[in-house]
Amino acid sequence: MMDRRLLPLAVAPLLIGGIALPAGTTVYGPGSVTAQVTLLDTEGWGMGGSGTPIPSMELAQAIGDRYVMPASPLFPGQPIFPVDSINPLFTPEGMYPVTGVKSLPFDESVSQGLQILDYTIKERLAEGHNLVIVGGSQSSTIASLEMRNLLALPADQIPTSDQLSFVLLVDPSNPNGGFLSRFGDPSLPELSFPSMGLTFSGATPSVTPWDTAVYNMEYDGFSDFPRYPLNFLAVLNAVLGIGLIHASVTELPEEQIAQAVLLPVSEGYAGNTDYFMIPTEDLPLLAPLRFLPMLGDPLADLVQPMLRVLVNLGYGNIEHGWDPGPADLSTPFGVFPTDIDLGDVLTALGDGAQQGWHDFIDDLGSLPSLPDALANSAEALGGFTDVVNGFSASLSNAYSALLPIADLVNAMLTTLPTYNLSLFAQEIASGDLLDALLMPLAADVGLVTTGVGIAALSMLFAFT
């Protein structure tokens, strides 16, 4: 049986959590300004991730303790959202094919979830309650679309900052990095894959009256997709991050959350949203290598410092795996970073080689004894045998696994070429011949690699 922790958050549950703070507690709100608040009737409403229409209370507590209302801030300036009660909100949370071939496609699931959330917010506000809405992964997109709906209301009907707040985790609609916004930016041709039931709906609104905290994870392909997808290493790393990192936001130790980086916003930003990026220690790209007995970790640590530089170039820098631009601005994918100094890259690669060698030697010095190593190897081989046997016993699920592949091929052979022509025509019209040739290629690398990765995850799910 495959470890469910390796599945994307699309099939892992998400919710809010928290415990009531006494009246007068100091609360760190968005903008890192402390304020004394008196708790009246503030309800928390949380939605599950894809595959989990009703979240568990255990995850409610876990998410609440980390992101909604920790007993004390885990890092200076962390926004805290006190709630009097926690209410799980049913939403369909389907994501064909990852949640099964008979489940709702993403667009339909989001549409139904949006209706439920909109009704809940308006009903509870009309009854005099203040609300904290929390979503993760798919339900972050639901919350994002609801923000748009609320902002479109007449001015006297828009909820006030006292009435409504949001906490979003690993947001696929994250303005600068979300998968749905990278390819759904208004400056690009519209993109949807009808055969997969997926529309790239754009970015979470960044200028709203509501206090909002957005937590994303470095190298998570759903919320932190590379800006320059011609960098295949960065895209492949992000796709593996969907399976290995995306869901872990619900289980992160406090020490890792404490390293969260408050991202810069645009000059003159007038919104009320704080954007946080939680760093990831190891590249997902090297996770398969780390599964090797004995030498897996030493070899991965040998190449990781240099490989990290190459991966980070896909985000437009050499220091970290996220775009350094303003976090509040919807930022489409591009061709190449334009402000990278080649000398700095070579220096970083040289430093990485030295660091990798140092880490490799340290790892070799801490290898287990030969009997322990052989025991670990036997255990790993036994686990591999179980996987093979499970695969053989599950061949009856072939139809479930192969149908999404057919839909993916359909999308790649029909919708994607049309999108490529639209990109080409748009760039030609702007007079940029080079981008006219390379933008479609960049889109293909990013979209095809991610599509194949998601299809592979759906197959793993079908065969386990």
Foldseek 3Di string as FASTA:
>chain_A
DDDQLLAFQLQPWAWAAAAADAQQDWFQFFVRDTDHGGDDAEEEEIAIHANPQWDDVVLNHLRHCAQEANVDDLARRRGHHGHHYYHYFGFQSHDPPQNFPPGDHLQVRLVRRLVSVLVVLVVVVVVPYAYEYEYEESVLVSVLVNQVVLVPDPPVRRDAQRRYAYEYEQYLQQQFARVLLQQPPPVAPWADQVLRNGGSPHHRAFADRYTYEYEHEFLQNRRHNFQALVLLLLLLLNLSNSRNPNNCVSPDDSVQSNPWDFAAADPPDNHNYTYTYGYDDAGSVLVVQLLDFQCSVLVRLQCGQLSQQSNCQSQQGRPGRHNNYHRNHRRYHAHGRDPDDPVVNVVSNVVSNVRSVVSSVVSNVPTDDPVVSVVSNVVSVVVVVVLVVLLVVLCVLVVGLCVLVVSLVVSVVPRLVVSLVRQLVSCVVVVNNVRSVRVSVSVCSNPVSSSVSSSVSSNVVSSD
